Amino acid sequence: MKLTPAQRDMAAAVRDELLLMFQDANGLMRRALTLELVCRQYELPAIDGALVPKLGPAVLAAEAAHAAYEEFSAAAGEPLKVAA
């Protein structure tokens, strides 16, 4: 599909927002897992006993954002700048 310059610019803007979403979801997920593991290792009370199961939506959001990022990178005609 051939895009107009305006469409290419918008695809690049959407791609950049998706990358930020991916980075945010991925960072939150990693920090939550780190806290959970620290609490276990030092035998501290769990921050939230259901924290790890609640990370499922964050994992799915990160994967969806990355997949959409790949799609919009292709639409913008630029190579991927991130590997997950």
N, C-alpha and C. Protein backbone atom coordinates (compact mmCIF):
# COMPACT_ATOMS: atom_id res chain seq x y z
N MET A 1 0.85 -1.18 0.00
CA MET A 1 0.00 0.00 0.00
C MET A 1 0.89 1.24 0.00
N LYS A 2 0.66 2.09 -0.95
CA LYS A 2 1.44 3.32 -1.05
C LYS A 2 0.75 4.42 -0.23
N LEU A 3 1.51 5.05 0.63
CA LEU A 3 0.98 6.09 1.49
C LEU A 3 1.36 7.47 0.99
N THR A 4 0.49 8.41 1.24
CA THR A 4 0.82 9.80 0.94
C THR A 4 1.82 10.28 1.99
N PRO A 5 2.52 11.38 1.73
CA PRO A 5 3.44 11.90 2.75
C PRO A 5 2.74 12.17 4.09
N ALA A 6 1.52 12.69 4.05
CA ALA A 6 0.78 12.96 5.29
C ALA A 6 0.46 11.65 6.03
N GLN A 7 0.05 10.62 5.27
CA GLN A 7 -0.24 9.33 5.89
C GLN A 7 1.03 8.72 6.48
N ARG A 8 2.14 8.86 5.78
CA ARG A 8 3.41 8.33 6.27
C ARG A 8 3.82 9.03 7.57
N ASP A 9 3.62 10.35 7.62
CA ASP A 9 3.93 11.10 8.84
C ASP A 9 3.05 10.67 10.00
N MET A 10 1.75 10.47 9.72
CA MET A 10 0.85 10.04 10.79
C MET A 10 1.17 8.62 11.23
N ALA A 11 1.53 7.75 10.31
CA ALA A 11 1.92 6.39 10.67
C ALA A 11 3.16 6.42 11.56
N ALA A 12 4.09 7.30 11.26
CA ALA A 12 5.30 7.43 12.08
C ALA A 12 4.94 7.95 13.47
N ALA A 13 4.00 8.90 13.56
CA ALA A 13 3.58 9.42 14.86
C ALA A 13 2.87 8.34 15.68
N VAL A 14 2.00 7.57 15.03
CA VAL A 14 1.32 6.47 15.72
C VAL A 14 2.34 5.44 16.18
N ARG A 15 3.30 5.12 15.31
CA ARG A 15 4.36 4.17 15.65
C ARG A 15 5.11 4.63 16.90
N ASP A 16 5.45 5.92 16.95
CA ASP A 16 6.19 6.44 18.09
C ASP A 16 5.37 6.34 19.38
N GLU A 17 4.07 6.62 19.30
CA GLU A 17 3.21 6.49 20.48
C GLU A 17 3.11 5.04 20.93
N LEU A 18 3.01 4.12 19.95
CA LEU A 18 2.95 2.70 20.29
C LEU A 18 4.24 2.24 20.96
N LEU A 19 5.36 2.76 20.51
CA LEU A 19 6.63 2.42 21.14
C LEU A 19 6.65 2.89 22.59
N LEU A 20 6.15 4.09 22.83
CA LEU A 20 6.08 4.60 24.21
C LEU A 20 5.15 3.74 25.07
N MET A 21 4.03 3.31 24.49
CA MET A 21 3.11 2.43 25.23
C MET A 21 3.80 1.11 25.57
N PHE A 22 4.50 0.55 24.60
CA PHE A 22 5.22 -0.70 24.82
C PHE A 22 6.25 -0.53 25.93
N GLN A 23 7.03 0.54 25.86
CA GLN A 23 8.07 0.77 26.86
C GLN A 23 7.45 0.96 28.25
N ASP A 24 6.35 1.68 28.33
CA ASP A 24 5.68 1.89 29.62
C ASP A 24 5.18 0.57 30.20
N ALA A 25 4.44 -0.20 29.40
CA ALA A 25 3.89 -1.47 29.88
C ALA A 25 5.01 -2.43 30.25
N ASN A 26 6.04 -2.48 29.43
CA ASN A 26 7.16 -3.38 29.69
C ASN A 26 7.89 -2.97 30.97
N GLY A 27 8.11 -1.67 31.16
CA GLY A 27 8.80 -1.20 32.36
C GLY A 27 8.01 -1.47 33.63
N LEU A 28 6.70 -1.23 33.59
CA LEU A 28 5.85 -1.51 34.74
C LEU A 28 5.87 -2.99 35.10
N MET A 29 5.80 -3.82 34.09
CA MET A 29 5.80 -5.26 34.31
C MET A 29 7.12 -5.70 34.96
N ARG A 30 8.23 -5.21 34.44
CA ARG A 30 9.54 -5.58 35.00
C ARG A 30 9.70 -5.10 36.43
N ARG A 31 9.26 -3.87 36.72
CA ARG A 31 9.39 -3.35 38.08
C ARG A 31 8.53 -4.13 39.05
N ALA A 32 7.32 -4.48 38.65
CA ALA A 32 6.43 -5.25 39.52
C ALA A 32 7.02 -6.63 39.81
N LEU A 33 7.55 -7.28 38.79
CA LEU A 33 8.17 -8.59 39.00
C LEU A 33 9.39 -8.48 39.91
N THR A 34 10.18 -7.44 39.74
CA THR A 34 11.36 -7.24 40.58
C THR A 34 10.95 -7.08 42.03
N LEU A 35 9.93 -6.26 42.29
CA LEU A 35 9.47 -6.07 43.66
C LEU A 35 8.96 -7.37 44.26
N GLU A 36 8.22 -8.13 43.48
CA GLU A 36 7.70 -9.41 43.95
C GLU A 36 8.84 -10.35 44.32
N LEU A 37 9.86 -10.42 43.46
CA LEU A 37 10.99 -11.31 43.73
C LEU A 37 11.81 -10.85 44.93
N VAL A 38 11.99 -9.56 45.11
CA VAL A 38 12.73 -9.04 46.26
C VAL A 38 12.00 -9.40 47.55
N CYS A 39 10.67 -9.23 47.54
CA CYS A 39 9.90 -9.58 48.73
C CYS A 39 10.03 -11.07 49.06
N ARG A 40 9.99 -11.90 48.05
CA ARG A 40 10.15 -13.34 48.28
C ARG A 40 11.54 -13.67 48.81
N GLN A 41 12.56 -13.11 48.18
CA GLN A 41 13.94 -13.42 48.54
C GLN A 41 14.24 -13.01 49.98
N TYR A 42 13.75 -11.86 50.40
CA TYR A 42 14.04 -11.37 51.74
C TYR A 42 12.94 -11.71 52.74
N GLU A 43 12.03 -12.59 52.32
CA GLU A 43 10.94 -13.06 53.15
C GLU A 43 10.14 -11.90 53.75
N LEU A 44 9.84 -10.94 52.92
CA LEU A 44 9.01 -9.80 53.31
C LEU A 44 7.57 -10.10 52.91
N PRO A 45 6.64 -9.42 53.56
CA PRO A 45 5.25 -9.62 53.13
C PRO A 45 5.10 -9.20 51.66
N ALA A 46 4.28 -9.91 50.97
CA ALA A 46 4.03 -9.57 49.56
C ALA A 46 3.36 -8.21 49.49
N ILE A 47 3.76 -7.42 48.53
CA ILE A 47 3.15 -6.10 48.33
C ILE A 47 1.67 -6.28 48.02
N ASP A 48 1.40 -7.24 47.20
CA ASP A 48 0.03 -7.61 46.84
C ASP A 48 0.10 -9.07 46.47
N GLY A 49 -0.59 -9.89 47.21
CA GLY A 49 -0.51 -11.33 46.98
C GLY A 49 -0.89 -11.75 45.58
N ALA A 50 -1.61 -10.90 44.88
CA ALA A 50 -2.05 -11.23 43.52
C ALA A 50 -1.34 -10.38 42.48
N LEU A 51 -0.19 -9.84 42.82
CA LEU A 51 0.50 -8.94 41.89
C LEU A 51 0.89 -9.63 40.60
N VAL A 52 1.53 -10.80 40.70
CA VAL A 52 2.00 -11.48 39.48
C VAL A 52 0.84 -11.85 38.55
N PRO A 53 -0.25 -12.43 39.06
CA PRO A 53 -1.36 -12.72 38.14
C PRO A 53 -1.94 -11.47 37.49
N LYS A 54 -1.87 -10.35 38.18
CA LYS A 54 -2.41 -9.11 37.63
C LYS A 54 -1.52 -8.54 36.53
N LEU A 55 -0.33 -9.09 36.36
CA LEU A 55 0.56 -8.60 35.32
C LEU A 55 0.17 -9.10 33.94
N GLY A 56 -0.70 -10.11 33.89
CA GLY A 56 -1.13 -10.65 32.60
C GLY A 56 -1.59 -9.59 31.62
N PRO A 57 -2.49 -8.68 32.03
CA PRO A 57 -2.91 -7.63 31.09
C PRO A 57 -1.76 -6.73 30.64
N ALA A 58 -0.79 -6.48 31.52
CA ALA A 58 0.35 -5.65 31.13
C ALA A 58 1.19 -6.37 30.08
N VAL A 59 1.36 -7.68 30.25
CA VAL A 59 2.12 -8.46 29.27
C VAL A 59 1.40 -8.41 27.93
N LEU A 60 0.08 -8.62 27.94
CA LEU A 60 -0.69 -8.59 26.70
C LEU A 60 -0.65 -7.20 26.06
N ALA A 61 -0.71 -6.15 26.88
CA ALA A 61 -0.64 -4.79 26.35
C ALA A 61 0.71 -4.53 25.71
N ALA A 62 1.79 -4.99 26.35
CA ALA A 62 3.12 -4.80 25.79
C ALA A 62 3.26 -5.54 24.47
N GLU A 63 2.77 -6.77 24.42
CA GLU A 63 2.86 -7.54 23.18
C GLU A 63 2.02 -6.91 22.06
N ALA A 64 0.83 -6.45 22.40
CA ALA A 64 -0.04 -5.82 21.40
C ALA A 64 0.58 -4.52 20.89
N ALA A 65 1.14 -3.73 21.80
CA ALA A 65 1.76 -2.47 21.38
C ALA A 65 2.96 -2.74 20.49
N HIS A 66 3.73 -3.78 20.81
CA HIS A 66 4.90 -4.09 19.98
C HIS A 66 4.47 -4.58 18.60
N ALA A 67 3.44 -5.42 18.55
CA ALA A 67 2.95 -5.91 17.25
C ALA A 67 2.43 -4.74 16.40
N ALA A 68 1.69 -3.84 17.03
CA ALA A 68 1.18 -2.68 16.30
C ALA A 68 2.33 -1.77 15.88
N TYR A 69 3.34 -1.66 16.72
CA TYR A 69 4.52 -0.86 16.39
C TYR A 69 5.19 -1.41 15.14
N GLU A 70 5.33 -2.74 15.07
CA GLU A 70 5.92 -3.36 13.88
C GLU A 70 5.11 -3.02 12.63
N GLU A 71 3.80 -3.11 12.75
CA GLU A 71 2.92 -2.83 11.61
C GLU A 71 3.07 -1.38 11.15
N PHE A 72 3.07 -0.45 12.09
CA PHE A 72 3.17 0.96 11.72
C PHE A 72 4.58 1.32 11.26
N SER A 73 5.59 0.59 11.72
CA SER A 73 6.94 0.83 11.22
C SER A 73 7.02 0.46 9.75
N ALA A 74 6.38 -0.64 9.40
CA ALA A 74 6.36 -1.06 8.00
C ALA A 74 5.58 -0.04 7.17
N ALA A 75 4.45 0.45 7.72
CA ALA A 75 3.64 1.43 6.98
C ALA A 75 4.39 2.73 6.79
N ALA A 76 5.20 3.09 7.78
CA ALA A 76 5.96 4.34 7.69
C ALA A 76 7.20 4.17 6.82
N GLY A 77 7.47 2.92 6.41
CA GLY A 77 8.60 2.67 5.54
C GLY A 77 9.95 2.77 6.23
N GLU A 78 9.95 2.55 7.54
CA GLU A 78 11.20 2.63 8.30
C GLU A 78 11.47 1.30 8.96
N PRO A 79 12.72 0.94 9.11
CA PRO A 79 13.04 -0.32 9.79
C PRO A 79 12.73 -0.20 11.29
N LEU A 80 12.53 -1.35 11.92
CA LEU A 80 12.29 -1.37 13.36
C LEU A 80 13.48 -0.83 14.11
N LYS A 81 13.22 -0.09 15.17
CA LYS A 81 14.29 0.47 15.99
C LYS A 81 14.36 -0.20 17.35
N VAL A 82 13.49 -1.18 17.61
CA VAL A 82 13.45 -1.84 18.92
C VAL A 82 13.27 -3.33 18.73
N ALA A 83 13.86 -4.08 19.61
CA ALA A 83 13.65 -5.53 19.62
C ALA A 83 13.19 -5.90 21.03
N ALA A 84 12.12 -6.67 21.10
CA ALA A 84 11.62 -7.04 22.43
C ALA A 84 11.91 -8.49 22.71
